[in-house]
Amino acid sequence: MITTRPARLDPETVLAAAERLVAERGWDGLTMAALADELHVRSPSLYRHVESLDAVRNALRLRTVVELGDAVRAAVMGKSGIDGLHALTDAYRAYAQAHPVRYLAQGALPGDDAMREAGVRVGEAGYAVLESFGLTPAELPVATAQLAALVHGFVSLELQQTIDWVTDPDAAYHGLVELFAAGLRHRPVATD
């Protein structure tokens, strides 16, 4: 008879197991009992390594935003203008498609300092690209919010299959990004 030895538990091991469970079973499938079973330990043993199920879920949500920030920042390195914008938005969408359950759970993120810091890293990639369109520092916050709404909106609808009637989602997505870029190029220039 083969027996499975319990994993050496540390926060990273617990979080990796939680990530697998969420990917396979969704957020409702992530319970302390399921996590303990995945790690081959008894549920009470987990509480030496994690505060609560909510803490595990929040850590996993934070990891999602950190990874998304890393992905978009890497994608825009050395790129600007429309190439940078497509690199940014394509990396964002690709990350969301690779981790749909975790991505869609962002709505439940706590607004703590760690989450804001992770969000800022995503935004910095947007700022860098949008600056290359000639936006002023005063225009960047609004343009970044508009871009985030555009990309998050399309990606969320796509992942939830509420726009599955779109025959070519890639073309629709890229066309939307092109429309946004055209709007940036033809925006009214503020004069003093």
Protein backbone atom coordinates (compact mmCIF):
# COMPACT_ATOMS: atom_id res chain seq x y z
CA MET A 1 0.00 0.00 0.00
CA ILE A 2 1.33 3.42 -0.96
CA THR A 3 0.81 6.21 1.53
CA THR A 4 1.17 9.87 0.76
CA ARG A 5 3.30 11.82 3.18
CA PRO A 6 2.00 15.18 4.30
CA ALA A 7 3.59 18.10 2.51
CA ARG A 8 5.90 20.38 4.44
CA LEU A 9 3.65 23.31 5.00
CA ASP A 10 4.66 26.87 4.51
CA PRO A 11 2.56 29.78 3.24
CA GLU A 12 3.68 29.30 -0.36
CA THR A 13 2.79 25.60 -0.37
CA VAL A 14 -0.64 26.35 1.08
CA LEU A 15 -1.24 29.13 -1.43
CA ALA A 16 -0.16 26.95 -4.37
CA ALA A 17 -2.59 24.24 -3.25
CA ALA A 18 -5.35 26.83 -2.89
CA GLU A 19 -4.61 28.08 -6.40
CA ARG A 20 -4.96 24.55 -7.80
CA LEU A 21 -8.25 24.04 -5.99
CA VAL A 22 -9.70 27.32 -7.23
CA ALA A 23 -8.63 26.54 -10.81
CA GLU A 24 -10.22 23.08 -10.63
CA ARG A 25 -13.32 23.70 -8.48
CA GLY A 26 -13.93 27.44 -8.35
CA TRP A 27 -14.01 29.64 -5.25
CA ASP A 28 -16.74 27.57 -3.61
CA GLY A 29 -14.50 24.52 -3.89
CA LEU A 30 -11.83 26.20 -1.78
CA THR A 31 -12.59 25.14 1.77
CA MET A 32 -10.29 24.37 4.65
CA ALA A 33 -11.30 20.70 4.42
CA ALA A 34 -10.54 20.56 0.69
CA LEU A 35 -7.27 22.41 1.22
CA ALA A 36 -6.26 20.02 4.01
CA ASP A 37 -7.12 17.07 1.79
CA GLU A 38 -5.08 18.56 -1.08
CA LEU A 39 -2.10 18.95 1.27
CA HIS A 40 -2.60 15.54 2.94
CA VAL A 41 -2.95 17.03 6.40
CA ARG A 42 -5.73 17.44 8.93
CA SER A 43 -7.65 20.72 8.80
CA PRO A 44 -6.49 21.91 12.23
CA SER A 45 -2.87 21.69 11.04
CA LEU A 46 -3.56 24.39 8.47
CA TYR A 47 -4.34 26.95 11.15
CA ARG A 48 -0.69 26.96 12.16
CA HIS A 49 0.11 28.35 8.72
CA VAL A 50 -2.94 30.42 7.78
CA GLU A 51 -5.24 32.60 9.81
CA SER A 52 -8.48 31.63 8.10
CA LEU A 53 -10.08 30.65 4.82
CA ASP A 54 -10.74 34.33 4.12
CA ALA A 55 -7.04 35.03 4.63
CA VAL A 56 -6.15 32.32 2.09
CA ARG A 57 -8.67 33.69 -0.39
CA ASN A 58 -7.40 37.25 0.03
CA ALA A 59 -3.79 36.11 -0.36
CA LEU A 60 -4.75 34.34 -3.57
CA ARG A 61 -6.58 37.41 -4.85
CA LEU A 62 -3.55 39.55 -4.02
CA ARG A 63 -1.33 37.08 -5.87
CA THR A 64 -3.59 37.48 -8.90
CA VAL A 65 -3.14 41.25 -9.00
CA VAL A 66 0.62 40.96 -8.40
CA GLU A 67 0.99 38.42 -11.21
CA LEU A 68 -1.18 40.53 -13.51
CA GLY A 69 1.03 43.53 -12.76
CA ASP A 70 4.16 41.51 -13.49
CA ALA A 71 2.68 40.27 -16.78
CA VAL A 72 1.67 43.68 -18.11
CA ARG A 73 4.86 45.37 -16.95
CA ALA A 74 6.99 42.76 -18.70
CA ALA A 75 4.87 43.05 -21.85
CA VAL A 76 5.31 46.81 -22.24
CA MET A 77 9.04 46.99 -21.60
CA GLY A 78 10.62 48.90 -24.48
CA LYS A 79 7.30 49.46 -26.24
CA SER A 80 5.32 52.63 -26.77
CA GLY A 81 2.41 54.00 -28.74
CA ILE A 82 0.00 51.57 -30.33
CA ASP A 83 2.51 48.69 -30.05
CA GLY A 84 2.78 49.29 -26.32
CA LEU A 85 -0.99 49.60 -25.96
CA HIS A 86 -1.57 46.30 -27.74
CA ALA A 87 1.20 44.63 -25.72
CA LEU A 88 -0.39 45.86 -22.50
CA THR A 89 -3.95 44.92 -23.36
CA ASP A 90 -2.99 41.56 -24.89
CA ALA A 91 -0.95 40.61 -21.81
CA TYR A 92 -3.83 41.63 -19.56
CA ARG A 93 -6.33 39.54 -21.50
CA ALA A 94 -3.98 36.56 -21.78
CA TYR A 95 -3.43 36.56 -18.02
CA ALA A 96 -7.18 36.72 -17.37
CA GLN A 97 -7.80 33.87 -19.83
CA ALA A 98 -5.12 31.74 -18.17
CA HIS A 99 -6.60 32.34 -14.69
CA PRO A 100 -10.30 33.05 -15.28
CA VAL A 101 -11.67 32.08 -11.89
CA ARG A 102 -9.07 34.03 -9.96
CA TYR A 103 -9.33 36.98 -12.34
CA LEU A 104 -13.09 37.27 -11.99
CA ALA A 105 -12.78 37.25 -8.19
CA GLN A 106 -11.12 40.67 -8.14
CA GLY A 107 -14.43 42.23 -7.20
CA ALA A 108 -14.05 40.77 -3.73
CA LEU A 109 -10.60 42.24 -3.13
CA PRO A 110 -10.02 44.00 0.16
CA GLY A 111 -8.95 47.59 -0.27
CA ASP A 112 -5.92 47.30 1.97
CA ASP A 113 -2.48 48.80 1.41
CA ALA A 114 -1.02 45.63 -0.13
CA MET A 115 -3.84 45.45 -2.66
CA ARG A 116 -3.54 49.15 -3.53
CA GLU A 117 0.21 48.73 -4.01
CA ALA A 118 -0.33 45.75 -6.31
CA GLY A 119 -2.93 47.73 -8.26
CA VAL A 120 -0.53 50.64 -8.62
CA ARG A 121 1.97 48.31 -10.30
CA VAL A 122 -0.65 47.40 -12.91
CA GLY A 123 -1.49 51.08 -13.35
CA GLU A 124 2.15 52.05 -13.80
CA ALA A 125 2.31 49.94 -16.93
CA GLY A 126 -0.74 51.80 -18.23
CA TYR A 127 0.78 55.15 -17.34
CA ALA A 128 3.98 54.31 -19.20
CA VAL A 129 2.13 53.38 -22.37
CA LEU A 130 -0.37 56.24 -22.18
CA GLU A 131 2.42 58.78 -21.67
CA SER A 132 3.80 57.69 -25.03
CA PHE A 133 0.58 59.02 -26.60
CA GLY A 134 1.50 62.47 -25.31
CA LEU A 135 -0.87 62.54 -22.35
CA THR A 136 -0.03 65.03 -19.65
CA PRO A 137 0.36 64.01 -16.00
CA ALA A 138 -3.07 65.55 -15.35
CA GLU A 139 -4.66 63.38 -18.09
CA LEU A 140 -3.07 60.08 -17.06
CA PRO A 141 -5.32 59.11 -14.12
CA VAL A 142 -8.54 59.47 -16.12
CA ALA A 143 -7.14 57.81 -19.24
CA THR A 144 -5.82 54.92 -17.16
CA ALA A 145 -9.21 54.47 -15.51
CA GLN A 146 -10.88 54.54 -18.93
CA LEU A 147 -8.46 51.95 -20.28
CA ALA A 148 -8.96 49.74 -17.22
CA ALA A 149 -12.74 49.92 -17.63
CA LEU A 150 -12.49 49.08 -21.33
CA VAL A 151 -10.15 46.13 -20.89
CA HIS A 152 -11.66 44.76 -17.68
CA GLY A 153 -15.17 45.13 -19.09
CA PHE A 154 -14.45 43.26 -22.31
CA VAL A 155 -12.38 40.56 -20.61
CA SER A 156 -14.96 40.00 -17.86
CA LEU A 157 -17.82 39.75 -20.36
CA GLU A 158 -15.77 37.35 -22.46
CA LEU A 159 -14.86 35.14 -19.50
CA GLN A 160 -18.46 35.05 -18.30
CA GLN A 161 -19.51 34.10 -21.84
CA THR A 162 -21.98 36.96 -22.05
CA ILE A 163 -20.64 38.03 -25.45
CA ASP A 164 -20.28 34.54 -26.89
CA TRP A 165 -22.32 35.71 -29.88
CA VAL A 166 -19.29 37.71 -31.04
CA THR A 167 -17.88 35.53 -33.82
CA ASP A 168 -14.34 36.89 -33.66
CA PRO A 169 -13.57 38.07 -30.12
CA ASP A 170 -9.91 38.69 -30.96
CA ALA A 171 -10.86 41.13 -33.72
CA ALA A 172 -13.50 42.75 -31.52
CA TYR A 173 -11.01 43.20 -28.69
CA HIS A 174 -8.25 44.58 -30.89
CA GLY A 175 -10.74 46.85 -32.62
CA LEU A 176 -11.83 48.23 -29.26
CA VAL A 177 -8.20 48.93 -28.35
CA GLU A 178 -7.72 50.67 -31.70
CA LEU A 179 -10.80 52.84 -31.05
CA PHE A 180 -9.38 53.80 -27.68
CA ALA A 181 -6.04 54.69 -29.28
CA ALA A 182 -7.81 56.78 -31.93
CA GLY A 183 -9.60 58.62 -29.15
CA LEU A 184 -6.28 59.36 -27.50
CA ARG A 185 -4.82 60.65 -30.73
CA HIS A 186 -7.80 62.90 -31.46
CA ARG A 187 -8.63 64.10 -27.96
CA PRO A 188 -9.17 67.79 -27.45
CA VAL A 189 -6.02 69.45 -26.21
CA ALA A 190 -6.59 71.60 -23.16
CA THR A 191 -5.33 75.16 -23.44
CA ASP A 192 -4.65 77.53 -20.59
